[in-house]
PDB file of N, CA and C in Angstrom:
ATOM      1  N   MET A   1       7.804  18.293  86.875  1.00  0.00           N
ATOM      2  CA  MET A   1       7.974  16.879  86.627  1.00  0.00           C
ATOM      3  C   MET A   1       9.299  16.508  85.939  1.00  0.00           C
ATOM      4  N   GLU A   2      10.087  15.742  86.764  1.00  0.00           N
ATOM      5  CA  GLU A   2      11.362  15.339  86.129  1.00  0.00           C
ATOM      6  C   GLU A   2      11.219  14.320  85.026  1.00  0.00           C
ATOM      7  N   GLN A   3      12.095  14.570  84.110  1.00  0.00           N
ATOM      8  CA  GLN A   3      12.087  13.558  82.914  1.00  0.00           C
ATOM      9  C   GLN A   3      13.249  12.540  83.238  1.00  0.00           C
ATOM     10  N   LEU A   4      12.770  11.291  82.845  1.00  0.00           N
ATOM     11  CA  LEU A   4      13.860  10.264  83.208  1.00  0.00           C
ATOM     12  C   LEU A   4      14.827  10.150  81.649  1.00  0.00           C
ATOM     13  N   ALA A   5      15.962   9.789  82.033  1.00  0.00           N
ATOM     14  CA  ALA A   5      16.998   9.684  80.893  1.00  0.00           C
ATOM     15  C   ALA A   5      16.580   8.444  80.221  1.00  0.00           C
ATOM     16  N   PRO A   6      16.685   8.459  78.905  1.00  0.00           N
ATOM     17  CA  PRO A   6      16.516   7.088  78.295  1.00  0.00           C
ATOM     18  C   PRO A   6      17.450   5.908  78.559  1.00  0.00           C
ATOM     19  N   GLU A   7      16.906   4.833  78.619  1.00  0.00           N
ATOM     20  CA  GLU A   7      17.786   3.741  79.064  1.00  0.00           C
ATOM     21  C   GLU A   7      18.744   3.463  77.882  1.00  0.00           C
ATOM     22  N   THR A   8      19.970   2.941  78.354  1.00  0.00           N
ATOM     23  CA  THR A   8      21.046   2.594  77.199  1.00  0.00           C
ATOM     24  C   THR A   8      20.573   1.204  76.878  1.00  0.00           C
ATOM     25  N   PRO A   9      21.305   0.725  75.708  1.00  0.00           N
ATOM     26  CA  PRO A   9      21.102  -0.667  75.429  1.00  0.00           C
ATOM     27  C   PRO A   9      21.558  -1.678  76.383  1.00  0.00           C
ATOM     28  N   ILE A  10      22.733  -1.127  77.056  1.00  0.00           N
ATOM     29  CA  ILE A  10      23.218  -2.220  78.180  1.00  0.00           C
ATOM     30  C   ILE A  10      22.116  -2.307  79.215  1.00  0.00           C
ATOM     31  N   GLU A  11      21.490  -1.258  79.714  1.00  0.00           N
ATOM     32  CA  GLU A  11      20.449  -1.342  80.688  1.00  0.00           C
ATOM     33  C   GLU A  11      19.178  -2.046  80.144  1.00  0.00           C
ATOM     34  N   ILE A  12      18.914  -1.978  78.909  1.00  0.00           N
ATOM     35  CA  ILE A  12      17.823  -2.785  78.461  1.00  0.00           C
ATOM     36  C   ILE A  12      18.005  -4.344  78.450  1.00  0.00           C
ATOM     37  N   LEU A  13      19.401  -4.677  78.088  1.00  0.00           N
ATOM     38  CA  LEU A  13      19.838  -5.950  78.116  1.00  0.00           C
ATOM     39  C   LEU A  13      19.771  -6.559  79.498  1.00  0.00           C
ATOM     40  N   GLN A  14      20.286  -5.679  80.535  1.00  0.00           N
ATOM     41  CA  GLN A  14      20.250  -6.090  81.895  1.00  0.00           C
ATOM     42  C   GLN A  14      18.852  -6.396  82.399  1.00  0.00           C
ATOM     43  N   SER A  15      17.829  -5.825  81.800  1.00  0.00           N
ATOM     44  CA  SER A  15      16.592  -6.066  82.315  1.00  0.00           C
ATOM     45  C   SER A  15      15.929  -7.224  81.862  1.00  0.00           C
ATOM     46  N   ARG A  16      16.682  -8.010  81.056  1.00  0.00           N
ATOM     47  CA  ARG A  16      16.129  -9.396  80.514  1.00  0.00           C
ATOM     48  C   ARG A  16      16.305 -10.276  81.616  1.00  0.00           C
ATOM     49  N   GLN A  17      15.297 -11.197  81.605  1.00  0.00           N
ATOM     50  CA  GLN A  17      15.341 -12.347  82.339  1.00  0.00           C
ATOM     51  C   GLN A  17      15.370 -13.710  81.636  1.00  0.00           C
ATOM     52  N   GLU A  18      16.060 -14.532  81.950  1.00  0.00           N
ATOM     53  CA  GLU A  18      16.012 -15.787  81.166  1.00  0.00           C
ATOM     54  C   GLU A  18      14.893 -16.699  81.743  1.00  0.00           C
ATOM     55  N   LEU A  19      14.071 -17.103  80.818  1.00  0.00           N
ATOM     56  CA  LEU A  19      12.992 -18.010  81.142  1.00  0.00           C
ATOM     57  C   LEU A  19      13.178 -19.419  81.029  1.00  0.00           C
ATOM     58  N   ALA A  20      14.110 -19.842  79.882  1.00  0.00           N
ATOM     59  CA  ALA A  20      14.116 -21.194  79.692  1.00  0.00           C
ATOM     60  C   ALA A  20      15.432 -21.288  78.857  1.00  0.00           C
ATOM     61  N   ARG A  21      16.325 -22.376  79.003  1.00  0.00           N
ATOM     62  CA  ARG A  21      17.383 -22.631  78.122  1.00  0.00           C
ATOM     63  C   ARG A  21      17.442 -24.069  77.801  1.00  0.00           C
ATOM     64  N   ARG A  22      18.049 -24.427  76.600  1.00  0.00           N
ATOM     65  CA  ARG A  22      18.135 -25.732  76.196  1.00  0.00           C
ATOM     66  C   ARG A  22      19.275 -25.936  75.156  1.00  0.00           C
ATOM     67  N   ALA A  23      19.854 -27.136  75.190  1.00  0.00           N
ATOM     68  CA  ALA A  23      20.912 -27.350  74.182  1.00  0.00           C
ATOM     69  C   ALA A  23      20.559 -28.603  73.302  1.00  0.00           C
ATOM     70  N   SER A  24      20.659 -28.503  72.077  1.00  0.00           N
ATOM     71  CA  SER A  24      20.099 -29.575  71.267  1.00  0.00           C
ATOM     72  C   SER A  24      20.786 -29.459  69.860  1.00  0.00           C
ATOM     73  N   ALA A  25      21.245 -30.580  69.307  1.00  0.00           N
ATOM     74  CA  ALA A  25      21.738 -30.624  67.907  1.00  0.00           C
ATOM     75  C   ALA A  25      23.070 -29.561  67.652  1.00  0.00           C
ATOM     76  N   GLY A  26      23.757 -29.439  68.724  1.00  0.00           N
ATOM     77  CA  GLY A  26      24.985 -28.534  68.751  1.00  0.00           C
ATOM     78  C   GLY A  26      24.729 -27.140  68.896  1.00  0.00           C
ATOM     79  N   ILE A  27      23.422 -26.600  69.266  1.00  0.00           N
ATOM     80  CA  ILE A  27      23.150 -25.240  69.325  1.00  0.00           C
ATOM     81  C   ILE A  27      22.554 -25.127  70.705  1.00  0.00           C
ATOM     82  N   GLU A  28      22.601 -23.867  71.328  1.00  0.00           N
ATOM     83  CA  GLU A  28      21.941 -23.591  72.437  1.00  0.00           C
ATOM     84  C   GLU A  28      20.842 -22.506  72.242  1.00  0.00           C
ATOM     85  N   VAL A  29      19.771 -22.707  72.815  1.00  0.00           N
ATOM     86  CA  VAL A  29      18.562 -21.767  72.794  1.00  0.00           C
ATOM     87  C   VAL A  29      18.200 -21.211  73.957  1.00  0.00           C
ATOM     88  N   THR A  30      17.987 -20.035  74.162  1.00  0.00           N
ATOM     89  CA  THR A  30      17.643 -19.331  75.421  1.00  0.00           C
ATOM     90  C   THR A  30      16.404 -18.452  75.105  1.00  0.00           C
ATOM     91  N   LEU A  31      15.455 -18.526  75.918  1.00  0.00           N
ATOM     92  CA  LEU A  31      14.239 -17.717  75.926  1.00  0.00           C
ATOM     93  C   LEU A  31      14.331 -16.677  76.896  1.00  0.00           C
ATOM     94  N   TYR A  32      14.296 -15.320  76.543  1.00  0.00           N
ATOM     95  CA  TYR A  32      14.235 -14.192  77.440  1.00  0.00           C
ATOM     96  C   TYR A  32      12.922 -13.508  77.377  1.00  0.00           C
ATOM     97  N   TRP A  33      12.670 -12.938  78.600  1.00  0.00           N
ATOM     98  CA  TRP A  33      11.562 -11.783  78.947  1.00  0.00           C
ATOM     99  C   TRP A  33      12.226 -10.535  79.262  1.00  0.00           C
ATOM    100  N   SER A  34      11.893  -9.394  78.584  1.00  0.00           N
ATOM    101  CA  SER A  34      12.391  -8.161  78.977  1.00  0.00           C
ATOM    102  C   SER A  34      11.321  -7.247  79.855  1.00  0.00           C
ATOM    103  N   ALA A  35      11.712  -7.040  81.023  1.00  0.00           N
ATOM    104  CA  ALA A  35      11.113  -6.024  81.775  1.00  0.00           C
ATOM    105  C   ALA A  35      10.850  -4.791  81.399  1.00  0.00           C
ATOM    106  N   HIS A  36      11.885  -4.299  80.379  1.00  0.00           N
ATOM    107  CA  HIS A  36      11.829  -2.954  79.898  1.00  0.00           C
ATOM    108  C   HIS A  36      10.628  -2.758  79.113  1.00  0.00           C
ATOM    109  N   ASP A  37      10.226  -3.623  78.246  1.00  0.00           N
ATOM    110  CA  ASP A  37       9.026  -3.484  77.398  1.00  0.00           C
ATOM    111  C   ASP A  37       8.040  -4.706  77.332  1.00  0.00           C
ATOM    112  N   ASN A  38       8.157  -5.582  78.202  1.00  0.00           N
ATOM    113  CA  ASN A  38       7.416  -6.732  78.347  1.00  0.00           C
ATOM    114  C   ASN A  38       7.411  -7.662  76.967  1.00  0.00           C
ATOM    115  N   SER A  39       8.499  -7.739  76.367  1.00  0.00           N
ATOM    116  CA  SER A  39       8.774  -8.431  75.146  1.00  0.00           C
ATOM    117  C   SER A  39       9.407  -9.618  75.442  1.00  0.00           C
ATOM    118  N   THR A  40       9.424 -10.612  74.448  1.00  0.00           N
ATOM    119  CA  THR A  40       9.999 -11.749  74.710  1.00  0.00           C
ATOM    120  C   THR A  40      11.059 -11.912  73.358  1.00  0.00           C
ATOM    121  N   SER A  41      12.074 -12.677  73.600  1.00  0.00           N
ATOM    122  CA  SER A  41      13.229 -12.789  72.577  1.00  0.00           C
ATOM    123  C   SER A  41      13.715 -14.219  72.597  1.00  0.00           C
ATOM    124  N   ILE A  42      14.314 -14.586  71.592  1.00  0.00           N
ATOM    125  CA  ILE A  42      15.115 -15.943  71.406  1.00  0.00           C
ATOM    126  C   ILE A  42      16.393 -15.489  71.234  1.00  0.00           C
ATOM    127  N   GLU A  43      17.548 -16.321  71.714  1.00  0.00           N
ATOM    128  CA  GLU A  43      18.891 -16.194  71.370  1.00  0.00           C
ATOM    129  C   GLU A  43      19.193 -17.593  71.077  1.00  0.00           C
ATOM    130  N   VAL A  44      19.926 -17.901  69.945  1.00  0.00           N
ATOM    131  CA  VAL A  44      20.600 -18.960  69.470  1.00  0.00           C
ATOM    132  C   VAL A  44      21.864 -18.891  69.428  1.00  0.00           C
ATOM    133  N   TRP A  45      22.739 -19.705  70.031  1.00  0.00           N
ATOM    134  CA  TRP A  45      24.206 -19.795  69.902  1.00  0.00           C
ATOM    135  C   TRP A  45      24.712 -21.147  69.495  1.00  0.00           C
ATOM    136  N   ASP A  46      25.581 -20.907  68.457  1.00  0.00           N
ATOM    137  CA  ASP A  46      26.214 -21.923  67.729  1.00  0.00           C
ATOM    138  C   ASP A  46      27.679 -21.954  68.091  1.00  0.00           C
ATOM    139  N   PRO A  47      28.060 -22.955  69.245  1.00  0.00           N
ATOM    140  CA  PRO A  47      29.496 -22.870  69.673  1.00  0.00           C
ATOM    141  C   PRO A  47      30.586 -23.257  68.541  1.00  0.00           C
ATOM    142  N   ALA A  48      30.012 -24.053  67.547  1.00  0.00           N
ATOM    143  CA  ALA A  48      30.862 -24.365  66.424  1.00  0.00           C
ATOM    144  C   ALA A  48      31.420 -23.174  65.644  1.00  0.00           C
ATOM    145  N   SER A  49      30.480 -22.146  65.447  1.00  0.00           N
ATOM    146  CA  SER A  49      30.891 -21.095  64.508  1.00  0.00           C
ATOM    147  C   SER A  49      30.966 -19.928  65.493  1.00  0.00           C
ATOM    148  N   GLU A  50      30.696 -19.876  66.754  1.00  0.00           N
ATOM    149  CA  GLU A  50      30.679 -18.831  67.732  1.00  0.00           C
ATOM    150  C   GLU A  50      29.798 -17.787  67.252  1.00  0.00           C
ATOM    151  N   GLU A  51      28.726 -18.011  66.568  1.00  0.00           N
ATOM    152  CA  GLU A  51      27.766 -17.011  65.968  1.00  0.00           C
ATOM    153  C   GLU A  51      26.541 -17.051  67.016  1.00  0.00           C
ATOM    154  N   THR A  52      25.885 -15.858  67.163  1.00  0.00           N
ATOM    155  CA  THR A  52      24.630 -15.763  68.042  1.00  0.00           C
ATOM    156  C   THR A  52      23.638 -15.021  67.103  1.00  0.00           C
ATOM    157  N   LEU A  53      22.426 -15.609  67.255  1.00  0.00           N
ATOM    158  CA  LEU A  53      21.350 -15.107  66.439  1.00  0.00           C
ATOM    159  C   LEU A  53      20.363 -14.569  67.461  1.00  0.00           C
ATOM    160  N   VAL A  54      19.934 -13.530  67.462  1.00  0.00           N
ATOM    161  CA  VAL A  54      18.906 -12.969  68.486  1.00  0.00           C
ATOM    162  C   VAL A  54      17.801 -12.141  67.713  1.00  0.00           C
ATOM    163  N   PHE A  55      16.610 -12.566  68.200  1.00  0.00           N
ATOM    164  CA  PHE A  55      15.465 -11.851  67.522  1.00  0.00           C
ATOM    165  C   PHE A  55      14.238 -11.854  68.414  1.00  0.00           C
ATOM    166  N   ASP A  56      13.335 -10.913  68.358  1.00  0.00           N
ATOM    167  CA  ASP A  56      12.098 -10.945  69.050  1.00  0.00           C
ATOM    168  C   ASP A  56      11.155 -11.875  68.563  1.00  0.00           C
ATOM    169  N   VAL A  57      10.306 -12.363  69.391  1.00  0.00           N
ATOM    170  CA  VAL A  57       9.077 -13.068  69.103  1.00  0.00           C
ATOM    171  C   VAL A  57       7.813 -12.547  69.960  1.00  0.00           C
ATOM    172  N   PRO A  58       6.655 -12.804  69.361  1.00  0.00           N
ATOM    173  CA  PRO A  58       5.534 -12.197  69.951  1.00  0.00           C
ATOM    174  C   PRO A  58       5.344 -13.293  71.338  1.00  0.00           C
ATOM    175  N   ARG A  59       4.882 -12.579  72.374  1.00  0.00           N
ATOM    176  CA  ARG A  59       4.831 -13.360  73.651  1.00  0.00           C
ATOM    177  C   ARG A  59       4.037 -14.592  73.434  1.00  0.00           C
ATOM    178  N   GLU A  60       2.953 -14.490  72.685  1.00  0.00           N
ATOM    179  CA  GLU A  60       1.937 -15.590  72.533  1.00  0.00           C
ATOM    180  C   GLU A  60       2.534 -16.774  71.829  1.00  0.00           C
ATOM    181  N   GLN A  61       3.824 -16.561  71.118  1.00  0.00           N
ATOM    182  CA  GLN A  61       4.523 -17.585  70.325  1.00  0.00           C
ATOM    183  C   GLN A  61       5.782 -17.843  71.013  1.00  0.00           C
ATOM    184  N   ALA A  62       6.058 -17.442  72.185  1.00  0.00           N
ATOM    185  CA  ALA A  62       7.444 -17.521  72.709  1.00  0.00           C
ATOM    186  C   ALA A  62       7.758 -18.891  73.074  1.00  0.00           C
ATOM    187  N   LEU A  63       6.915 -19.749  73.485  1.00  0.00           N
ATOM    188  CA  LEU A  63       7.227 -21.140  73.802  1.00  0.00           C
ATOM    189  C   LEU A  63       7.606 -22.107  72.455  1.00  0.00           C
ATOM    190  N   GLU A  64       6.731 -21.786  71.541  1.00  0.00           N
ATOM    191  CA  GLU A  64       6.883 -22.330  70.119  1.00  0.00           C
ATOM    192  C   GLU A  64       7.941 -22.098  69.673  1.00  0.00           C
ATOM    193  N   ALA A  65       8.400 -20.828  69.771  1.00  0.00           N
ATOM    194  CA  ALA A  65       9.795 -20.305  69.253  1.00  0.00           C
ATOM    195  C   ALA A  65      10.899 -20.878  69.931  1.00  0.00           C
ATOM    196  N   PHE A  66      10.651 -21.008  71.180  1.00  0.00           N
ATOM    197  CA  PHE A  66      11.843 -21.719  71.929  1.00  0.00           C
ATOM    198  C   PHE A  66      12.255 -23.077  71.408  1.00  0.00           C
ATOM    199  N   TYR A  67      11.297 -23.926  71.099  1.00  0.00           N
ATOM    200  CA  TYR A  67      11.437 -25.218  70.772  1.00  0.00           C
ATOM    201  C   TYR A  67      11.682 -25.282  69.048  1.00  0.00           C
ATOM    202  N   HIS A  68      11.380 -24.301  68.306  1.00  0.00           N
ATOM    203  CA  HIS A  68      11.437 -24.282  66.998  1.00  0.00           C
ATOM    204  C   HIS A  68      12.005 -22.955  66.512  1.00  0.00           C
ATOM    205  N   PRO A  69      13.217 -22.469  66.903  1.00  0.00           N
ATOM    206  CA  PRO A  69      13.660 -21.043  66.620  1.00  0.00           C
ATOM    207  C   PRO A  69      13.765 -20.789  65.292  1.00  0.00           C
ATOM    208  N   PHE A  70      14.126 -21.616  64.429  1.00  0.00           N
ATOM    209  CA  PHE A  70      14.491 -21.317  63.169  1.00  0.00           C
ATOM    210  C   PHE A  70      13.166 -21.170  62.295  1.00  0.00           C
ATOM    211  N   ALA A  71      11.936 -21.769  62.731  1.00  0.00           N
ATOM    212  CA  ALA A  71      10.863 -21.541  61.947  1.00  0.00           C
ATOM    213  C   ALA A  71       9.979 -20.086  62.494  1.00  0.00           C
ATOM    214  N   HIS A  72      10.650 -19.469  63.452  1.00  0.00           N
ATOM    215  CA  HIS A  72      10.266 -18.212  63.936  1.00  0.00           C
ATOM    216  C   HIS A  72      11.153 -16.912  63.661  1.00  0.00           C
ATOM    217  N   ARG A  73      12.234 -17.476  63.109  1.00  0.00           N
ATOM    218  CA  ARG A  73      13.272 -16.478  62.664  1.00  0.00           C
ATOM    219  C   ARG A  73      12.859 -15.531  61.750  1.00  0.00           C
ATOM    220  N   PRO A  74      13.055 -14.239  61.784  1.00  0.00           N
ATOM    221  CA  PRO A  74      12.476 -13.271  60.665  1.00  0.00           C
ATOM    222  C   PRO A  74      13.391 -13.490  59.372  1.00  0.00           C
ATOM    223  N   ALA A  75      12.652 -13.259  58.243  1.00  0.00           N
ATOM    224  CA  ALA A  75      13.360 -13.574  57.023  1.00  0.00           C
ATOM    225  C   ALA A  75      14.244 -12.583  56.962  1.00  0.00           C
ATOM    226  N   PRO A  76      15.341 -12.941  56.205  1.00  0.00           N
ATOM    227  CA  PRO A  76      16.374 -11.961  55.984  1.00  0.00           C
ATOM    228  C   PRO A  76      15.865 -10.981  54.737  1.00  0.00           C
ATOM    229  N   PRO A  77      16.337  -9.767  54.734  1.00  0.00           N
ATOM    230  CA  PRO A  77      15.830  -8.748  53.624  1.00  0.00           C
ATOM    231  C   PRO A  77      16.092  -9.315  52.357  1.00  0.00           C
ATOM    232  N   SER A  78      15.191  -9.331  51.346  1.00  0.00           N
ATOM    233  CA  SER A  78      15.318  -9.761  50.116  1.00  0.00           C
ATOM    234  C   SER A  78      16.460  -8.950  49.260  1.00  0.00           C
ATOM    235  N   GLU A  79      16.894  -9.644  48.490  1.00  0.00           N
ATOM    236  CA  GLU A  79      18.061  -8.905  47.629  1.00  0.00           C
ATOM    237  C   GLU A  79      17.234  -7.999  46.719  1.00  0.00           C
ATOM    238  N   PRO A  80      17.611  -6.829  46.386  1.00  0.00           N
ATOM    239  CA  PRO A  80      16.985  -6.029  45.368  1.00  0.00           C
ATOM    240  C   PRO A  80      17.206  -6.673  43.783  1.00  0.00           C
ATOM    241  N   THR A  81      16.156  -6.501  43.206  1.00  0.00           N
ATOM    242  CA  THR A  81      16.157  -6.985  41.797  1.00  0.00           C
ATOM    243  C   THR A  81      16.812  -5.829  40.895  1.00  0.00           C
ATOM    244  N   PRO A  82      17.723  -6.278  40.192  1.00  0.00           N
ATOM    245  CA  PRO A  82      18.516  -5.264  39.391  1.00  0.00           C
ATOM    246  C   PRO A  82      17.399  -4.818  38.292  1.00  0.00           C
ATOM    247  N   MET A  83      17.491  -3.609  37.935  1.00  0.00           N
ATOM    248  CA  MET A  83      16.667  -3.142  36.806  1.00  0.00           C
ATOM    249  C   MET A  83      17.500  -3.329  35.492  1.00  0.00           C
ATOM    250  N   LEU A  84      16.869  -3.835  34.377  1.00  0.00           N
ATOM    251  CA  LEU A  84      17.346  -4.031  33.262  1.00  0.00           C
ATOM    252  C   LEU A  84      16.961  -2.866  32.328  1.00  0.00           C
ATOM    253  N   LEU A  85      17.741  -2.114  31.830  1.00  0.00           N
ATOM    254  CA  LEU A  85      17.309  -0.966  30.864  1.00  0.00           C
ATOM    255  C   LEU A  85      17.448  -1.399  29.445  1.00  0.00           C
ATOM    256  N   PRO A  86      16.544  -0.911  28.631  1.00  0.00           N
ATOM    257  CA  PRO A  86      16.552  -1.339  27.330  1.00  0.00           C
ATOM    258  C   PRO A  86      17.781  -0.567  26.587  1.00  0.00           C
TER     259      PRO A  86
END
């Protein structure tokens, strides 16, 4: 049996399909579905800062995340609390 080579990140991105796109309040939000692993993701682009935020969302929450992306954005890692030694 022939083993398939693992897909590269470019191939994975190319397997994404745009499901919906909207612009509001100066940002653009796009909802994607990936044929690679049947996942959904949100991409938020801010043209003013030229920054893009991309994150996965559960399929059952995809439409809600499309309309309210910042409510579904993963929390940033917390800062470690410094240890105070006596």
